[in-house]
PDB file of N, CA and C in Angstrom:
ATOM      1  N   UNK A   1    -165.271  88.599  81.150  1.00  0.00           N
ATOM      2  CA  UNK A   1    -164.825  87.216  80.988  1.00  0.00           C
ATOM      3  C   UNK A   1    -166.055  86.317  80.870  1.00  0.00           C
ATOM      4  N   UNK A   2    -166.116  85.536  79.834  1.00  0.00           N
ATOM      5  CA  UNK A   2    -167.256  84.658  79.580  1.00  0.00           C
ATOM      6  C   UNK A   2    -166.944  83.268  80.122  1.00  0.00           C
ATOM      7  N   UNK A   3    -167.728  82.823  81.085  1.00  0.00           N
ATOM      8  CA  UNK A   3    -167.496  81.525  81.723  1.00  0.00           C
ATOM      9  C   UNK A   3    -168.413  80.481  81.103  1.00  0.00           C
ATOM     10  N   UNK A   4    -167.864  79.395  80.621  1.00  0.00           N
ATOM     11  CA  UNK A   4    -168.634  78.305  80.014  1.00  0.00           C
ATOM     12  C   UNK A   4    -169.160  77.383  81.111  1.00  0.00           C
ATOM     13  N   UNK A   5    -170.446  77.043  81.048  1.00  0.00           N
ATOM     14  CA  UNK A   5    -171.064  76.139  82.018  1.00  0.00           C
ATOM     15  C   UNK A   5    -170.542  74.736  81.786  1.00  0.00           C
ATOM     16  N   UNK A   6    -170.161  74.065  82.851  1.00  0.00           N
ATOM     17  CA  UNK A   6    -169.635  72.715  82.739  1.00  0.00           C
ATOM     18  C   UNK A   6    -170.188  71.849  83.850  1.00  0.00           C
ATOM     19  N   UNK A   7    -170.748  70.689  83.498  1.00  0.00           N
ATOM     20  CA  UNK A   7    -171.237  69.772  84.523  1.00  0.00           C
ATOM     21  C   UNK A   7    -170.128  68.859  85.017  1.00  0.00           C
ATOM     22  N   UNK A   8    -168.966  68.896  84.374  1.00  0.00           N
ATOM     23  CA  UNK A   8    -167.891  67.978  84.726  1.00  0.00           C
ATOM     24  C   UNK A   8    -167.173  68.356  86.006  1.00  0.00           C
ATOM     25  N   UNK A   9    -167.208  69.617  86.398  1.00  0.00           N
ATOM     26  CA  UNK A   9    -166.378  70.043  87.520  1.00  0.00           C
ATOM     27  C   UNK A   9    -167.191  70.503  88.730  1.00  0.00           C
ATOM     28  N   UNK A  10    -168.451  70.092  88.830  1.00  0.00           N
ATOM     29  CA  UNK A  10    -169.308  70.451  89.963  1.00  0.00           C
ATOM     30  C   UNK A  10    -169.459  71.951  90.133  1.00  0.00           C
ATOM     31  N   UNK A  11    -169.346  72.694  89.022  1.00  0.00           N
ATOM     32  CA  UNK A  11    -169.514  74.140  89.064  1.00  0.00           C
ATOM     33  C   UNK A  11    -170.887  74.500  89.601  1.00  0.00           C
ATOM     34  N   UNK A  12    -171.905  73.711  89.228  1.00  0.00           N
ATOM     35  CA  UNK A  12    -173.267  74.026  89.652  1.00  0.00           C
ATOM     36  C   UNK A  12    -173.442  73.990  91.166  1.00  0.00           C
ATOM     37  N   UNK A  13    -172.587  73.288  91.878  1.00  0.00           N
ATOM     38  CA  UNK A  13    -172.730  73.215  93.331  1.00  0.00           C
ATOM     39  C   UNK A  13    -172.383  74.535  94.005  1.00  0.00           C
ATOM     40  N   UNK A  14    -171.640  75.405  93.324  1.00  0.00           N
ATOM     41  CA  UNK A  14    -171.282  76.688  93.915  1.00  0.00           C
ATOM     42  C   UNK A  14    -172.137  77.829  93.384  1.00  0.00           C
ATOM     43  N   UNK A  15    -172.994  77.567  92.401  1.00  0.00           N
ATOM     44  CA  UNK A  15    -173.839  78.609  91.833  1.00  0.00           C
ATOM     45  C   UNK A  15    -175.118  78.776  92.639  1.00  0.00           C
ATOM     46  N   UNK A  16    -175.618  79.983  92.702  1.00  0.00           N
ATOM     47  CA  UNK A  16    -176.887  80.265  93.355  1.00  0.00           C
ATOM     48  C   UNK A  16    -178.032  80.265  92.360  1.00  0.00           C
ATOM     49  N   UNK A  17    -177.731  80.630  91.096  1.00  0.00           N
ATOM     50  CA  UNK A  17    -178.767  80.700  90.071  1.00  0.00           C
ATOM     51  C   UNK A  17    -178.143  80.397  88.711  1.00  0.00           C
ATOM     52  N   UNK A  18    -178.984  79.916  87.796  1.00  0.00           N
ATOM     53  CA  UNK A  18    -178.526  79.577  86.455  1.00  0.00           C
ATOM     54  C   UNK A  18    -179.519  80.119  85.429  1.00  0.00           C
ATOM     55  N   UNK A  19    -179.083  80.210  84.187  1.00  0.00           N
ATOM     56  CA  UNK A  19    -179.958  80.623  83.097  1.00  0.00           C
ATOM     57  C   UNK A  19    -180.918  79.482  82.770  1.00  0.00           C
ATOM     58  N   UNK A  20    -182.007  79.758  82.064  1.00  0.00           N
ATOM     59  CA  UNK A  20    -182.893  78.671  81.643  1.00  0.00           C
ATOM     60  C   UNK A  20    -182.174  77.597  80.820  1.00  0.00           C
ATOM     61  N   UNK A  21    -181.261  78.004  79.952  1.00  0.00           N
ATOM     62  CA  UNK A  21    -180.516  77.027  79.142  1.00  0.00           C
ATOM     63  C   UNK A  21    -179.654  76.135  80.032  1.00  0.00           C
ATOM     64  N   UNK A  22    -179.010  76.736  81.029  1.00  0.00           N
ATOM     65  CA  UNK A  22    -178.188  75.951  81.955  1.00  0.00           C
ATOM     66  C   UNK A  22    -179.057  75.056  82.826  1.00  0.00           C
ATOM     67  N   UNK A  23    -180.250  75.536  83.206  1.00  0.00           N
ATOM     68  CA  UNK A  23    -181.178  74.709  83.987  1.00  0.00           C
ATOM     69  C   UNK A  23    -181.600  73.482  83.190  1.00  0.00           C
ATOM     70  N   UNK A  24    -181.821  73.668  81.892  1.00  0.00           N
ATOM     71  CA  UNK A  24    -182.181  72.537  81.030  1.00  0.00           C
ATOM     72  C   UNK A  24    -181.042  71.524  80.976  1.00  0.00           C
ATOM     73  N   UNK A  25    -179.819  72.002  80.783  1.00  0.00           N
ATOM     74  CA  UNK A  25    -178.661  71.090  80.738  1.00  0.00           C
ATOM     75  C   UNK A  25    -178.458  70.396  82.072  1.00  0.00           C
ATOM     76  N   UNK A  26    -178.599  71.149  83.149  1.00  0.00           N
ATOM     77  CA  UNK A  26    -178.367  70.619  84.493  1.00  0.00           C
ATOM     78  C   UNK A  26    -179.367  69.523  84.839  1.00  0.00           C
ATOM     79  N   UNK A  27    -180.616  69.684  84.415  1.00  0.00           N
ATOM     80  CA  UNK A  27    -181.665  68.720  84.748  1.00  0.00           C
ATOM     81  C   UNK A  27    -181.836  67.627  83.714  1.00  0.00           C
ATOM     82  N   UNK A  28    -181.295  67.831  82.518  1.00  0.00           N
ATOM     83  CA  UNK A  28    -181.497  66.862  81.439  1.00  0.00           C
ATOM     84  C   UNK A  28    -182.837  67.036  80.749  1.00  0.00           C
ATOM     85  N   UNK A  29    -183.538  68.124  81.046  1.00  0.00           N
ATOM     86  CA  UNK A  29    -184.818  68.413  80.413  1.00  0.00           C
ATOM     87  C   UNK A  29    -184.601  69.324  79.213  1.00  0.00           C
ATOM     88  N   UNK A  30    -185.600  69.411  78.375  1.00  0.00           N
ATOM     89  CA  UNK A  30    -185.515  70.304  77.238  1.00  0.00           C
ATOM     90  C   UNK A  30    -185.758  71.740  77.660  1.00  0.00           C
ATOM     91  N   UNK A  31    -185.211  72.666  76.900  1.00  0.00           N
ATOM     92  CA  UNK A  31    -185.406  74.071  77.229  1.00  0.00           C
ATOM     93  C   UNK A  31    -186.875  74.471  77.101  1.00  0.00           C
ATOM     94  N   UNK A  32    -187.623  73.826  76.205  1.00  0.00           N
ATOM     95  CA  UNK A  32    -189.051  74.113  76.081  1.00  0.00           C
ATOM     96  C   UNK A  32    -189.773  73.801  77.381  1.00  0.00           C
ATOM     97  N   UNK A  33    -189.436  72.693  78.018  1.00  0.00           N
ATOM     98  CA  UNK A  33    -190.048  72.322  79.298  1.00  0.00           C
ATOM     99  C   UNK A  33    -189.740  73.358  80.363  1.00  0.00           C
ATOM    100  N   UNK A  34    -188.504  73.829  80.405  1.00  0.00           N
ATOM    101  CA  UNK A  34    -188.110  74.844  81.381  1.00  0.00           C
ATOM    102  C   UNK A  34    -188.884  76.137  81.125  1.00  0.00           C
ATOM    103  N   UNK A  35    -188.950  76.569  79.861  1.00  0.00           N
ATOM    104  CA  UNK A  35    -189.652  77.815  79.550  1.00  0.00           C
ATOM    105  C   UNK A  35    -191.151  77.701  79.797  1.00  0.00           C
ATOM    106  N   UNK A  36    -191.743  76.532  79.578  1.00  0.00           N
ATOM    107  CA  UNK A  36    -193.162  76.343  79.888  1.00  0.00           C
ATOM    108  C   UNK A  36    -193.411  76.462  81.387  1.00  0.00           C
ATOM    109  N   UNK A  37    -192.522  75.883  82.184  1.00  0.00           N
ATOM    110  CA  UNK A  37    -192.651  75.972  83.638  1.00  0.00           C
ATOM    111  C   UNK A  37    -192.469  77.413  84.114  1.00  0.00           C
ATOM    112  N   UNK A  38    -191.565  78.137  83.490  1.00  0.00           N
ATOM    113  CA  UNK A  38    -191.384  79.545  83.828  1.00  0.00           C
ATOM    114  C   UNK A  38    -192.632  80.344  83.463  1.00  0.00           C
ATOM    115  N   UNK A  39    -193.160  80.100  82.267  1.00  0.00           N
ATOM    116  CA  UNK A  39    -194.328  80.832  81.787  1.00  0.00           C
ATOM    117  C   UNK A  39    -195.577  80.584  82.612  1.00  0.00           C
ATOM    118  N   UNK A  40    -195.730  79.366  83.100  1.00  0.00           N
ATOM    119  CA  UNK A  40    -196.914  79.026  83.904  1.00  0.00           C
ATOM    120  C   UNK A  40    -196.782  79.480  85.354  1.00  0.00           C
ATOM    121  N   UNK A  41    -195.571  79.858  85.757  1.00  0.00           N
ATOM    122  CA  UNK A  41    -195.337  80.251  87.139  1.00  0.00           C
ATOM    123  C   UNK A  41    -194.982  79.088  88.043  1.00  0.00           C
ATOM    124  N   UNK A  42    -194.951  77.874  87.498  1.00  0.00           N
ATOM    125  CA  UNK A  42    -194.609  76.706  88.309  1.00  0.00           C
ATOM    126  C   UNK A  42    -193.145  76.740  88.757  1.00  0.00           C
ATOM    127  N   UNK A  43    -192.298  77.341  87.943  1.00  0.00           N
ATOM    128  CA  UNK A  43    -190.873  77.465  88.259  1.00  0.00           C
ATOM    129  C   UNK A  43    -190.550  78.949  88.401  1.00  0.00           C
ATOM    130  N   UNK A  44    -190.332  79.418  89.628  1.00  0.00           N
ATOM    131  CA  UNK A  44    -190.064  80.841  89.821  1.00  0.00           C
ATOM    132  C   UNK A  44    -188.698  81.243  89.280  1.00  0.00           C
ATOM    133  N   UNK A  45    -188.607  82.489  88.871  1.00  0.00           N
ATOM    134  CA  UNK A  45    -187.341  83.009  88.364  1.00  0.00           C
ATOM    135  C   UNK A  45    -187.229  84.480  88.725  1.00  0.00           C
ATOM    136  N   UNK A  46    -186.094  85.059  88.405  1.00  0.00           N
ATOM    137  CA  UNK A  46    -185.874  86.471  88.642  1.00  0.00           C
ATOM    138  C   UNK A  46    -185.169  87.072  87.442  1.00  0.00           C
ATOM    139  N   UNK A  47    -185.305  88.367  87.277  1.00  0.00           N
ATOM    140  CA  UNK A  47    -184.610  89.070  86.207  1.00  0.00           C
ATOM    141  C   UNK A  47    -183.586  89.998  86.819  1.00  0.00           C
ATOM    142  N   UNK A  48    -182.395  89.939  86.274  1.00  0.00           N
ATOM    143  CA  UNK A  48    -181.339  90.850  86.653  1.00  0.00           C
ATOM    144  C   UNK A  48    -180.910  91.519  85.356  1.00  0.00           C
ATOM    145  N   UNK A  49    -181.278  92.768  85.203  1.00  0.00           N
ATOM    146  CA  UNK A  49    -181.053  93.434  83.927  1.00  0.00           C
ATOM    147  C   UNK A  49    -181.892  92.745  82.872  1.00  0.00           C
ATOM    148  N   UNK A  50    -181.249  92.253  81.827  1.00  0.00           N
ATOM    149  CA  UNK A  50    -181.949  91.540  80.759  1.00  0.00           C
ATOM    150  C   UNK A  50    -181.900  90.034  80.931  1.00  0.00           C
ATOM    151  N   UNK A  51    -181.189  89.566  81.942  1.00  0.00           N
ATOM    152  CA  UNK A  51    -181.025  88.120  82.153  1.00  0.00           C
ATOM    153  C   UNK A  51    -182.133  87.542  83.003  1.00  0.00           C
ATOM    154  N   UNK A  52    -182.626  86.380  82.604  1.00  0.00           N
ATOM    155  CA  UNK A  52    -183.584  85.591  83.386  1.00  0.00           C
ATOM    156  C   UNK A  52    -182.766  84.540  84.116  1.00  0.00           C
ATOM    157  N   UNK A  53    -182.929  84.453  85.429  1.00  0.00           N
ATOM    158  CA  UNK A  53    -182.183  83.479  86.222  1.00  0.00           C
ATOM    159  C   UNK A  53    -183.134  82.645  87.064  1.00  0.00           C
ATOM    160  N   UNK A  54    -182.748  81.408  87.277  1.00  0.00           N
ATOM    161  CA  UNK A  54    -183.510  80.472  88.103  1.00  0.00           C
ATOM    162  C   UNK A  54    -182.612  80.088  89.266  1.00  0.00           C
ATOM    163  N   UNK A  55    -183.097  80.327  90.457  1.00  0.00           N
ATOM    164  CA  UNK A  55    -182.312  79.928  91.630  1.00  0.00           C
ATOM    165  C   UNK A  55    -182.221  78.399  91.671  1.00  0.00           C
ATOM    166  N   UNK A  56    -181.065  77.898  92.050  1.00  0.00           N
ATOM    167  CA  UNK A  56    -180.861  76.455  92.170  1.00  0.00           C
ATOM    168  C   UNK A  56    -181.871  75.869  93.157  1.00  0.00           C
ATOM    169  N   UNK A  57    -182.144  76.573  94.248  1.00  0.00           N
ATOM    170  CA  UNK A  57    -183.109  76.085  95.240  1.00  0.00           C
ATOM    171  C   UNK A  57    -184.509  75.978  94.639  1.00  0.00           C
ATOM    172  N   UNK A  58    -184.897  76.943  93.790  1.00  0.00           N
ATOM    173  CA  UNK A  58    -186.211  76.898  93.142  1.00  0.00           C
ATOM    174  C   UNK A  58    -186.286  75.742  92.153  1.00  0.00           C
ATOM    175  N   UNK A  59    -185.202  75.506  91.434  1.00  0.00           N
ATOM    176  CA  UNK A  59    -185.145  74.395  90.482  1.00  0.00           C
ATOM    177  C   UNK A  59    -185.274  73.061  91.215  1.00  0.00           C
ATOM    178  N   UNK A  60    -184.584  72.929  92.328  1.00  0.00           N
ATOM    179  CA  UNK A  60    -184.651  71.713  93.141  1.00  0.00           C
ATOM    180  C   UNK A  60    -186.058  71.500  93.689  1.00  0.00           C
ATOM    181  N   UNK A  61    -186.674  72.572  94.198  1.00  0.00           N
ATOM    182  CA  UNK A  61    -188.035  72.469  94.752  1.00  0.00           C
ATOM    183  C   UNK A  61    -189.034  72.084  93.661  1.00  0.00           C
ATOM    184  N   UNK A  62    -188.901  72.671  92.468  1.00  0.00           N
ATOM    185  CA  UNK A  62    -189.793  72.354  91.350  1.00  0.00           C
ATOM    186  C   UNK A  62    -189.655  70.881  90.952  1.00  0.00           C
ATOM    187  N   UNK A  63    -188.433  70.392  90.879  1.00  0.00           N
ATOM    188  CA  UNK A  63    -188.209  68.983  90.533  1.00  0.00           C
ATOM    189  C   UNK A  63    -188.795  68.062  91.600  1.00  0.00           C
ATOM    190  N   UNK A  64    -188.673  68.441  92.867  1.00  0.00           N
ATOM    191  CA  UNK A  64    -189.256  67.637  93.950  1.00  0.00           C
ATOM    192  C   UNK A  64    -190.771  67.565  93.832  1.00  0.00           C
ATOM    193  N   UNK A  65    -191.412  68.655  93.409  1.00  0.00           N
ATOM    194  CA  UNK A  65    -192.859  68.655  93.206  1.00  0.00           C
ATOM    195  C   UNK A  65    -193.275  67.706  92.089  1.00  0.00           C
ATOM    196  N   UNK A  66    -192.419  67.545  91.084  1.00  0.00           N
ATOM    197  CA  UNK A  66    -192.721  66.684  89.940  1.00  0.00           C
ATOM    198  C   UNK A  66    -192.484  65.215  90.238  1.00  0.00           C
ATOM    199  N   UNK A  67    -191.715  64.944  91.284  1.00  0.00           N
ATOM    200  CA  UNK A  67    -191.334  63.573  91.615  1.00  0.00           C
ATOM    201  C   UNK A  67    -192.545  62.759  92.050  1.00  0.00           C
ATOM    202  N   UNK A  68    -192.665  61.553  91.490  1.00  0.00           N
ATOM    203  CA  UNK A  68    -193.755  60.646  91.840  1.00  0.00           C
ATOM    204  C   UNK A  68    -193.170  59.385  92.451  1.00  0.00           C
ATOM    205  N   UNK A  69    -193.862  58.798  93.429  1.00  0.00           N
ATOM    206  CA  UNK A  69    -193.403  57.514  93.956  1.00  0.00           C
ATOM    207  C   UNK A  69    -193.372  56.467  92.836  1.00  0.00           C
ATOM    208  N   UNK A  70    -192.500  55.507  92.948  1.00  0.00           N
ATOM    209  CA  UNK A  70    -192.312  54.491  91.915  1.00  0.00           C
ATOM    210  C   UNK A  70    -193.629  53.775  91.599  1.00  0.00           C
ATOM    211  N   UNK A  71    -194.421  53.443  92.614  1.00  0.00           N
ATOM    212  CA  UNK A  71    -195.672  52.723  92.377  1.00  0.00           C
ATOM    213  C   UNK A  71    -196.613  53.535  91.494  1.00  0.00           C
ATOM    214  N   UNK A  72    -196.727  54.832  91.762  1.00  0.00           N
ATOM    215  CA  UNK A  72    -197.599  55.696  90.974  1.00  0.00           C
ATOM    216  C   UNK A  72    -197.047  55.893  89.569  1.00  0.00           C
ATOM    217  N   UNK A  73    -195.734  56.001  89.435  1.00  0.00           N
ATOM    218  CA  UNK A  73    -195.128  56.184  88.123  1.00  0.00           C
ATOM    219  C   UNK A  73    -195.387  54.963  87.240  1.00  0.00           C
ATOM    220  N   UNK A  74    -195.335  53.761  87.817  1.00  0.00           N
ATOM    221  CA  UNK A  74    -195.583  52.533  87.047  1.00  0.00           C
ATOM    222  C   UNK A  74    -197.024  52.456  86.579  1.00  0.00           C
ATOM    223  N   UNK A  75    -197.969  52.909  87.404  1.00  0.00           N
ATOM    224  CA  UNK A  75    -199.381  52.882  87.048  1.00  0.00           C
ATOM    225  C   UNK A  75    -199.737  53.910  85.995  1.00  0.00           C
ATOM    226  N   UNK A  76    -198.983  55.026  85.929  1.00  0.00           N
ATOM    227  CA  UNK A  76    -199.305  56.104  85.003  1.00  0.00           C
ATOM    228  C   UNK A  76    -198.997  55.734  83.567  1.00  0.00           C
ATOM    229  N   UNK A  77    -198.091  54.847  83.323  1.00  0.00           N
ATOM    230  CA  UNK A  77    -197.664  54.561  81.953  1.00  0.00           C
ATOM    231  C   UNK A  77    -198.003  53.248  81.520  1.00  0.00           C
TER     232      UNK A  77
END
């Protein structure tokens, strides 16, 4: 049974891990950004068979590392 990812029904709150494509949709980032983070090791992942999965906790931790205080964000741009 093929389950379609949906952000409308809070499905992600019950998932432990998502594919890179789903991580991109979930975060609003591009898939290239997700794959670059995976390739650099900044975003940890695991392989199950042929599937690459990103734990929701790892995705959350990675996003927290990227977060900048508002004052610093205003000065950067």
